[in-house]
Amino acid sequence: MEVKFLNLQKINFQYRKELEDTVARVIQSGWYLLGKEVENFEKKLSEYCYAEHCIGVANGLDALRLILKAYIELGVMKKGDEIIVPANTYIATLLAITDNHLTPVLVDPDIHTYNLDISLIEKHITKRTRAIMVVHLYGRVCWSEELESIAARFNLKIIEDNAQAIGARYSLKNHQTLSTPNFKHPEIFRSTGTLGHASGFSFYPGKNLGALGDSGAVVTNDSELAETVRALGNYGSKQKYINEYQGLNSRMDEIQAALLSVKLKYLDAENKRRREVSDFYCSNIKNEKIILPVTGDFNILTNYTHVWHLFVIRCKERDVLQNYLTSKGIQTLIHYPVPPHKQKAYSAWNHFSLPITEQIHNEALSLPISPVITDDEISFVVTTLNKF
């Protein structure tokens, strides 16, 4: 048996007729940028998240870049200010910060959640700190009342990198397990993307909500920020040929917006399947060499604080394990083999010691998971892992 890590063709084939009809409609409309399709998707995503504003942009990195650029234009931040950020993340999170001439302050993650260790934040705050950027890594919510309290006490913005966690929810009353989920009460259950002051979404094809190309969005309840982000992503212009800012060209196109509107309808069902796959893995992988994701005592099937964008295990013999799985026809990936502070792009940081981050990057291995993976495939993965 061959098990693909992620079968995008199969995922999109489920909705082939609907997607093809949608593309044909956009082509026939003759309008391809900043039209009704983008407006419609922005409205749908805002409603899905219970947010006031959504701005479609070109990709997830631009979403974060534009948020920070907007805060600079609004005088909330200035070049050289510091942003606290998890060291254990994809490099795009940091690129958004340094591209705006802001300074990332790297903080090690919690070894159990792989997310930013909130207990370490306060000791990294200085008079130049302006924001905390949290990453809901692998699809798991990174949030707490302590985080909110720290941000309020030090007057800091909280920016969410929500590239991997669309559809995840955080309970304000610690109802982490929802037997009968009702998300129509945002005063109790809030979506990732609306927990902080602003958030960046990615719709890269492999994401839980994936476009058929690059795409992204900014979500916020701050009207002034939203207006500024929208202008900055359109050459710094609110009115054609009138430029208030030195902006970017970062716009979601009509075809991607239309396709995302189709796929958004199926997101919760697809996330449900991801929870089923994760539950099977956690219940059936029995190998002392393998460290499974720590879920505590929550029921994976009914817990909405994790949407399992990735199912990441750890193993001290990670490379040997990956080669073994490859030889058996099981495709895996490493998220991520080299942490940002060890990349050549950030050579000035190569001497930093972030032991938890480095341990994760040396041991992490992502198993196949998707809404279209079959029961036979996940059973084969489990049986093969248990023989390692």
Protein backbone atom coordinates (compact mmCIF):
# COMPACT_ATOMS: atom_id res chain seq x y z
CA MET A 1 0.00 0.00 0.00
CA GLU A 2 1.12 3.54 -0.78
CA VAL A 3 -0.05 6.25 1.59
CA LYS A 4 0.39 9.85 0.41
CA PHE A 5 1.05 12.49 2.98
CA LEU A 6 -1.65 14.71 1.51
CA ASN A 7 -3.68 13.88 -1.60
CA LEU A 8 -4.74 17.33 -2.81
CA GLN A 9 -6.14 15.98 -6.04
CA LYS A 10 -8.48 13.68 -4.14
CA ILE A 11 -9.49 16.44 -1.70
CA ASN A 12 -10.50 18.81 -4.48
CA PHE A 13 -12.01 16.08 -6.67
CA GLN A 14 -14.78 15.69 -4.07
CA TYR A 15 -16.09 19.09 -5.17
CA ARG A 16 -14.94 18.96 -8.79
CA LYS A 17 -18.24 19.86 -10.46
CA GLU A 18 -18.93 22.72 -8.06
CA LEU A 19 -15.39 24.07 -8.42
CA GLU A 20 -15.43 23.82 -12.21
CA ASP A 21 -18.80 25.58 -12.44
CA THR A 22 -17.48 28.29 -10.12
CA VAL A 23 -14.38 28.93 -12.25
CA ALA A 24 -16.52 29.05 -15.39
CA ARG A 25 -18.80 31.60 -13.74
CA VAL A 26 -15.87 33.85 -12.85
CA ILE A 27 -14.34 33.58 -16.32
CA GLN A 28 -17.65 34.46 -17.91
CA SER A 29 -18.12 37.44 -15.59
CA GLY A 30 -15.16 39.26 -17.09
CA TRP A 31 -14.18 40.63 -13.65
CA TYR A 32 -11.10 39.10 -12.05
CA LEU A 33 -9.87 41.35 -9.22
CA LEU A 34 -11.57 43.23 -6.37
CA GLY A 35 -15.05 42.15 -7.37
CA LYS A 36 -18.11 40.44 -6.00
CA GLU A 37 -16.43 37.07 -5.45
CA VAL A 38 -13.82 38.53 -3.09
CA GLU A 39 -16.48 40.59 -1.35
CA ASN A 40 -18.63 37.48 -0.94
CA PHE A 41 -15.81 35.36 0.48
CA GLU A 42 -14.75 38.11 2.88
CA LYS A 43 -18.33 38.26 4.15
CA LYS A 44 -18.56 34.48 4.51
CA LEU A 45 -15.25 34.20 6.39
CA SER A 46 -16.19 37.09 8.68
CA GLU A 47 -19.47 35.36 9.50
CA TYR A 48 -17.73 32.03 10.02
CA CYS A 49 -15.30 33.57 12.50
CA TYR A 50 -17.81 36.04 14.02
CA ALA A 51 -15.48 38.88 13.07
CA GLU A 52 -16.22 42.42 11.98
CA HIS A 53 -13.75 42.62 9.11
CA CYS A 54 -12.00 40.35 6.62
CA ILE A 55 -9.62 41.52 3.91
CA GLY A 56 -8.55 39.09 1.22
CA VAL A 57 -4.84 39.25 0.38
CA ALA A 58 -2.37 37.36 -1.80
CA ASN A 59 -1.03 34.88 0.79
CA GLY A 60 -0.55 34.19 4.48
CA LEU A 61 2.83 35.88 4.75
CA ASP A 62 1.41 39.08 3.27
CA ALA A 63 -1.46 38.93 5.76
CA LEU A 64 1.00 39.18 8.65
CA ARG A 65 3.20 41.71 6.84
CA LEU A 66 0.23 43.97 6.21
CA ILE A 67 -1.00 43.83 9.80
CA LEU A 68 2.39 44.99 11.09
CA LYS A 69 2.78 47.56 8.32
CA ALA A 70 -0.66 48.95 9.18
CA TYR A 71 0.24 49.24 12.86
CA ILE A 72 3.35 51.18 11.86
CA GLU A 73 1.30 53.53 9.66
CA LEU A 74 -1.14 54.04 12.53
CA GLY A 75 1.69 54.93 14.92
CA VAL A 76 1.19 51.89 17.15
CA MET A 77 4.65 50.61 16.26
CA LYS A 78 7.85 51.97 14.77
CA LYS A 79 10.93 50.44 13.24
CA GLY A 80 13.08 48.72 15.83
CA ASP A 81 10.19 47.83 18.13
CA GLU A 82 10.04 44.28 19.46
CA ILE A 83 7.54 41.53 18.76
CA ILE A 84 7.53 38.46 21.01
CA VAL A 85 7.17 35.36 18.84
CA PRO A 86 7.55 31.59 19.26
CA ALA A 87 10.90 30.23 18.14
CA ASN A 88 9.17 27.02 17.05
CA THR A 89 7.36 28.14 13.91
CA TYR A 90 7.62 28.30 10.15
CA ILE A 91 10.01 31.02 9.03
CA ALA A 92 7.20 33.08 7.45
CA THR A 93 6.11 34.21 10.91
CA LEU A 94 9.48 35.85 11.45
CA LEU A 95 9.81 37.13 7.89
CA ALA A 96 6.70 39.25 8.41
CA ILE A 97 8.35 40.88 11.41
CA THR A 98 11.80 41.53 9.99
CA ASP A 99 10.38 42.68 6.65
CA ASN A 100 8.82 45.57 8.57
CA HIS A 101 12.14 46.35 10.29
CA LEU A 102 10.75 45.17 13.61
CA THR A 103 12.70 42.93 15.97
CA PRO A 104 11.56 39.36 16.72
CA VAL A 105 12.14 38.23 20.29
CA LEU A 106 12.25 34.44 20.16
CA VAL A 107 10.67 32.46 22.98
CA ASP A 108 10.92 28.69 23.37
CA PRO A 109 7.72 26.61 23.13
CA ASP A 110 5.98 24.36 25.59
CA ILE A 111 7.32 20.86 24.90
CA HIS A 112 3.83 19.38 25.37
CA THR A 113 1.85 21.65 23.02
CA TYR A 114 4.69 22.84 20.73
CA ASN A 115 3.12 26.30 20.98
CA LEU A 116 4.55 29.44 22.57
CA ASP A 117 5.22 28.89 26.28
CA ILE A 118 3.04 31.64 27.71
CA SER A 119 4.70 31.35 31.13
CA LEU A 120 7.96 32.64 29.58
CA ILE A 121 6.52 35.73 27.89
CA GLU A 122 6.69 38.27 30.70
CA LYS A 123 10.43 37.96 31.28
CA HIS A 124 11.04 38.83 27.62
CA ILE A 125 9.04 42.07 27.72
CA THR A 126 11.04 45.31 27.51
CA LYS A 127 10.15 48.96 27.03
CA ARG A 128 10.38 48.36 23.27
CA THR A 129 7.90 45.46 23.19
CA ARG A 130 4.77 46.29 21.21
CA ALA A 131 3.11 42.97 20.45
CA ILE A 132 2.94 39.23 21.00
CA MET A 133 2.54 37.12 17.90
CA VAL A 134 1.06 33.73 18.71
CA VAL A 135 1.07 30.82 16.28
CA HIS A 136 -1.62 28.16 16.53
CA LEU A 137 0.91 25.58 15.39
CA TYR A 138 -0.21 22.34 13.74
CA GLY A 139 -3.83 23.46 14.29
CA ARG A 140 -3.77 23.72 18.09
CA VAL A 141 -5.08 26.86 19.81
CA CYS A 142 -2.42 28.86 21.63
CA TRP A 143 -4.33 31.00 24.10
CA SER A 144 -5.03 31.54 27.79
CA GLU A 145 -6.40 34.08 30.23
CA GLU A 146 -2.82 34.62 31.38
CA LEU A 147 -1.86 35.67 27.85
CA GLU A 148 -4.73 38.16 27.73
CA SER A 149 -3.78 39.50 31.14
CA ILE A 150 -0.14 40.03 30.17
CA ALA A 151 -1.13 41.85 26.98
CA ALA A 152 -3.54 44.10 28.85
CA ARG A 153 -1.08 44.89 31.64
CA PHE A 154 1.69 45.90 29.25
CA ASN A 155 -0.60 47.43 26.61
CA LEU A 156 0.52 44.98 23.93
CA LYS A 157 -1.20 43.95 20.72
CA ILE A 158 -1.79 40.24 20.18
CA ILE A 159 -1.45 39.13 16.57
CA GLU A 160 -2.43 35.60 15.58
CA ASP A 161 -0.65 33.61 12.92
CA ASN A 162 -3.71 31.52 12.11
CA ALA A 163 -2.27 29.87 9.00
CA GLN A 164 -2.76 26.35 10.39
CA ALA A 165 -5.81 26.53 12.65
CA ILE A 166 -8.85 27.77 10.76
CA GLY A 167 -11.96 26.29 12.38
CA ALA A 168 -10.40 25.86 15.82
CA ARG A 169 -12.33 27.35 18.76
CA TYR A 170 -11.35 28.55 22.20
CA SER A 171 -13.79 28.37 25.10
CA LEU A 172 -13.84 31.43 27.30
CA LYS A 173 -15.31 29.34 30.11
CA ASN A 174 -12.91 26.43 29.76
CA HIS A 175 -15.47 24.24 28.02
CA GLN A 176 -12.64 22.65 26.08
CA THR A 177 -14.72 19.57 25.25
CA LEU A 178 -17.97 20.39 23.51
CA SER A 179 -20.41 17.50 23.36
CA THR A 180 -22.95 19.65 21.50
CA PRO A 181 -20.98 22.43 19.84
CA ASN A 182 -22.90 25.64 19.28
CA PHE A 183 -20.63 28.33 17.92
CA LYS A 184 -23.41 30.88 17.67
CA HIS A 185 -22.37 32.20 21.05
CA PRO A 186 -19.07 34.03 20.43
CA GLU A 187 -19.20 35.33 23.99
CA ILE A 188 -18.46 31.72 25.02
CA PHE A 189 -16.73 30.13 22.03
CA ARG A 190 -14.37 32.26 19.99
CA SER A 191 -12.69 31.28 16.75
CA THR A 192 -8.97 31.42 16.21
CA GLY A 193 -8.44 34.53 14.18
CA THR A 194 -10.65 36.59 16.51
CA LEU A 195 -8.90 35.94 19.81
CA GLY A 196 -6.34 38.72 19.42
CA HIS A 197 -6.38 42.18 17.88
CA ALA A 198 -5.73 40.93 14.33
CA SER A 199 -4.89 37.70 12.57
CA GLY A 200 -3.38 36.39 9.38
CA PHE A 201 -4.85 33.42 7.51
CA SER A 202 -3.19 31.31 4.82
CA PHE A 203 -5.12 29.42 2.16
CA TYR A 204 -2.09 27.69 0.67
CA PRO A 205 -3.44 24.55 -1.08
CA GLY A 206 -2.33 22.19 1.69
CA LYS A 207 -4.10 24.08 4.50
CA ASN A 208 -7.36 22.86 6.08
CA LEU A 209 -9.08 25.45 3.91
CA GLY A 210 -6.92 25.45 0.82
CA ALA A 211 -7.22 27.48 -2.36
CA LEU A 212 -6.06 26.20 -5.74
CA GLY A 213 -3.11 28.54 -5.57
CA ASP A 214 -1.82 31.12 -3.10
CA SER A 215 -4.23 33.20 -1.08
CA GLY A 216 -4.65 34.66 2.39
CA ALA A 217 -6.69 37.00 4.56
CA VAL A 218 -6.52 39.43 7.45
CA VAL A 219 -9.29 39.22 10.06
CA THR A 220 -9.88 41.84 12.75
CA ASN A 221 -12.54 43.67 14.74
CA ASP A 222 -10.57 46.93 14.51
CA SER A 223 -12.19 49.10 11.82
CA GLU A 224 -9.29 51.52 11.51
CA LEU A 225 -6.78 48.70 11.17
CA ALA A 226 -8.95 46.94 8.59
CA GLU A 227 -9.25 50.08 6.47
CA THR A 228 -5.50 50.62 6.60
CA VAL A 229 -4.69 46.99 5.74
CA ARG A 230 -7.07 47.10 2.77
CA ALA A 231 -5.44 50.25 1.44
CA LEU A 232 -1.90 48.99 2.01
CA GLY A 233 -2.62 45.78 0.09
CA ASN A 234 -3.88 47.85 -2.84
CA TYR A 235 -0.76 49.95 -3.48
CA GLY A 236 -1.55 52.10 -0.45
CA SER A 237 -4.70 53.36 -2.13
CA LYS A 238 -8.27 53.77 -0.91
CA GLN A 239 -9.26 55.64 -4.07
CA LYS A 240 -7.91 54.70 -7.49
CA TYR A 241 -4.73 56.60 -8.38
CA ILE A 242 -4.73 58.35 -5.00
CA ASN A 243 -2.06 56.79 -2.79
CA GLU A 244 -1.98 57.57 0.93
CA TYR A 245 0.70 55.02 1.82
CA GLN A 246 3.69 53.29 0.28
CA GLY A 247 1.76 50.06 -0.06
CA LEU A 248 2.02 46.63 -1.63
CA ASN A 249 0.22 44.75 -4.35
CA SER A 250 -1.35 41.95 -2.32
CA ARG A 251 -4.87 41.11 -3.38
CA MET A 252 -6.94 37.95 -3.40
CA ASP A 253 -8.17 37.29 -6.95
CA GLU A 254 -11.76 36.53 -7.91
CA ILE A 255 -11.17 32.89 -8.87
CA GLN A 256 -9.47 31.96 -5.59
CA ALA A 257 -12.15 33.79 -3.60
CA ALA A 258 -14.91 31.94 -5.45
CA LEU A 259 -13.22 28.56 -4.94
CA LEU A 260 -12.68 29.26 -1.25
CA SER A 261 -16.35 30.16 -0.83
CA VAL A 262 -17.21 26.70 -2.13
CA LYS A 263 -14.74 24.88 0.10
CA LEU A 264 -15.57 26.88 3.24
CA LYS A 265 -18.96 25.12 3.32
CA TYR A 266 -17.19 21.80 3.92
CA LEU A 267 -14.49 22.95 6.34
CA ASP A 268 -16.14 21.79 9.58
CA ALA A 269 -16.87 18.35 8.14
CA GLU A 270 -13.29 18.02 6.93
CA ASN A 271 -11.93 19.10 10.31
CA LYS A 272 -14.19 16.48 11.92
CA ARG A 273 -12.55 13.79 9.79
CA ARG A 274 -9.13 15.06 10.85
CA ARG A 275 -10.16 14.61 14.49
CA GLU A 276 -11.28 11.04 13.73
CA VAL A 277 -7.93 10.22 12.13
CA SER A 278 -6.03 11.79 15.03
CA ASP A 279 -8.11 9.91 17.57
CA PHE A 280 -7.34 6.63 15.81
CA TYR A 281 -3.63 7.39 15.74
CA CYS A 282 -3.53 8.37 19.43
CA SER A 283 -5.57 5.33 20.49
CA ASN A 284 -3.68 2.75 18.46
CA ILE A 285 -0.04 3.75 18.05
CA LYS A 286 1.75 1.70 20.68
CA ASN A 287 5.49 2.06 20.38
CA GLU A 288 7.70 3.27 23.19
CA LYS A 289 10.04 4.94 20.68
CA ILE A 290 7.27 7.27 19.53
CA ILE A 291 6.00 10.30 21.43
CA LEU A 292 2.41 11.12 20.51
CA PRO A 293 0.83 14.60 20.69
CA VAL A 294 -0.07 15.40 24.28
CA THR A 295 -3.84 15.79 24.57
CA GLY A 296 -4.21 15.55 28.33
CA ASP A 297 -7.60 14.17 29.24
CA PHE A 298 -9.58 15.82 26.45
CA ASN A 299 -11.61 13.76 24.02
CA ILE A 300 -10.11 14.37 20.58
CA LEU A 301 -13.41 13.69 18.83
CA THR A 302 -15.32 16.37 20.71
CA ASN A 303 -12.54 18.87 21.37
CA TYR A 304 -12.55 21.86 19.03
CA THR A 305 -9.40 23.55 20.30
CA HIS A 306 -7.37 21.50 17.81
CA VAL A 307 -8.13 21.03 14.11
CA TRP A 308 -5.15 18.76 13.43
CA HIS A 309 -3.71 20.52 10.41
CA LEU A 310 -0.72 18.28 11.09
CA PHE A 311 -0.34 15.15 13.17
CA VAL A 312 3.16 15.43 14.56
CA ILE A 313 4.93 12.69 16.48
CA ARG A 314 8.42 12.79 17.94
CA CYS A 315 11.11 10.16 17.82
CA LYS A 316 14.78 10.34 18.82
CA GLU A 317 15.56 8.21 15.76
CA ARG A 318 13.43 10.44 13.54
CA ASP A 319 15.47 10.09 10.34
CA VAL A 320 15.70 6.33 10.69
CA LEU A 321 11.94 6.17 11.29
CA GLN A 322 11.20 8.35 8.27
CA ASN A 323 13.37 6.17 6.02
CA TYR A 324 11.66 3.06 7.38
CA LEU A 325 8.19 4.47 6.66
CA THR A 326 9.27 5.57 3.19
CA SER A 327 10.47 2.03 2.46
CA LYS A 328 7.01 0.77 3.39
CA GLY A 329 5.26 3.25 1.08
CA ILE A 330 4.22 5.78 3.72
CA GLN A 331 4.99 9.39 2.90
CA THR A 332 5.87 11.68 5.81
CA LEU A 333 7.19 15.22 6.10
CA ILE A 334 9.23 17.12 8.68
CA HIS A 335 7.68 20.33 10.02
CA TYR A 336 10.32 21.74 10.21
CA PRO A 337 13.84 20.36 9.75
CA VAL A 338 15.70 23.62 10.54
CA PRO A 339 14.37 26.20 13.01
CA PRO A 340 14.37 29.84 11.88
CA HIS A 341 17.20 30.86 14.20
CA LYS A 342 19.49 28.27 12.58
CA GLN A 343 18.74 29.35 9.00
CA LYS A 344 21.31 31.15 6.86
CA ALA A 345 18.71 33.90 6.32
CA TYR A 346 19.08 34.76 10.00
CA SER A 347 22.78 33.98 10.39
CA ALA A 348 23.13 36.63 13.12
CA TRP A 349 20.98 34.39 15.32
CA ASN A 350 22.73 31.10 14.58
CA HIS A 351 24.48 31.19 17.95
CA PHE A 352 21.18 31.42 19.87
CA SER A 353 20.42 28.48 22.14
CA LEU A 354 16.74 27.53 22.18
CA PRO A 355 16.89 23.95 23.40
CA ILE A 356 13.19 23.05 23.31
CA THR A 357 12.79 24.41 19.79
CA GLU A 358 15.88 22.57 18.63
CA GLN A 359 14.74 19.33 20.23
CA ILE A 360 11.38 19.52 18.47
CA HIS A 361 12.98 20.24 15.11
CA ASN A 362 15.33 17.30 15.54
CA GLU A 363 12.62 14.84 16.54
CA ALA A 364 9.38 15.92 14.82
CA LEU A 365 7.77 13.87 12.06
CA SER A 366 4.38 14.54 10.48
CA LEU A 367 2.24 11.52 9.64
CA PRO A 368 -0.26 11.42 6.77
CA ILE A 369 -3.52 13.13 7.68
CA SER A 370 -6.26 14.60 5.55
CA PRO A 371 -10.05 14.53 5.20
CA VAL A 372 -9.75 11.91 2.43
CA ILE A 373 -7.32 9.46 3.99
CA THR A 374 -9.03 6.07 4.29
CA ASP A 375 -9.46 3.83 7.32
CA ASP A 376 -7.33 1.18 5.60
CA GLU A 377 -4.55 3.71 5.07
CA ILE A 378 -4.45 4.91 8.68
CA SER A 379 -4.60 1.30 9.91
CA PHE A 380 -1.61 0.51 7.70
CA VAL A 381 0.28 3.52 9.09
CA VAL A 382 -0.42 2.41 12.66
CA THR A 383 0.54 -1.25 12.04
CA THR A 384 3.76 -0.17 10.34
CA LEU A 385 4.68 2.26 13.13
CA ASN A 386 4.05 -0.34 15.80
CA LYS A 387 6.53 -2.66 14.10
CA PHE A 388 9.31 -0.07 14.12
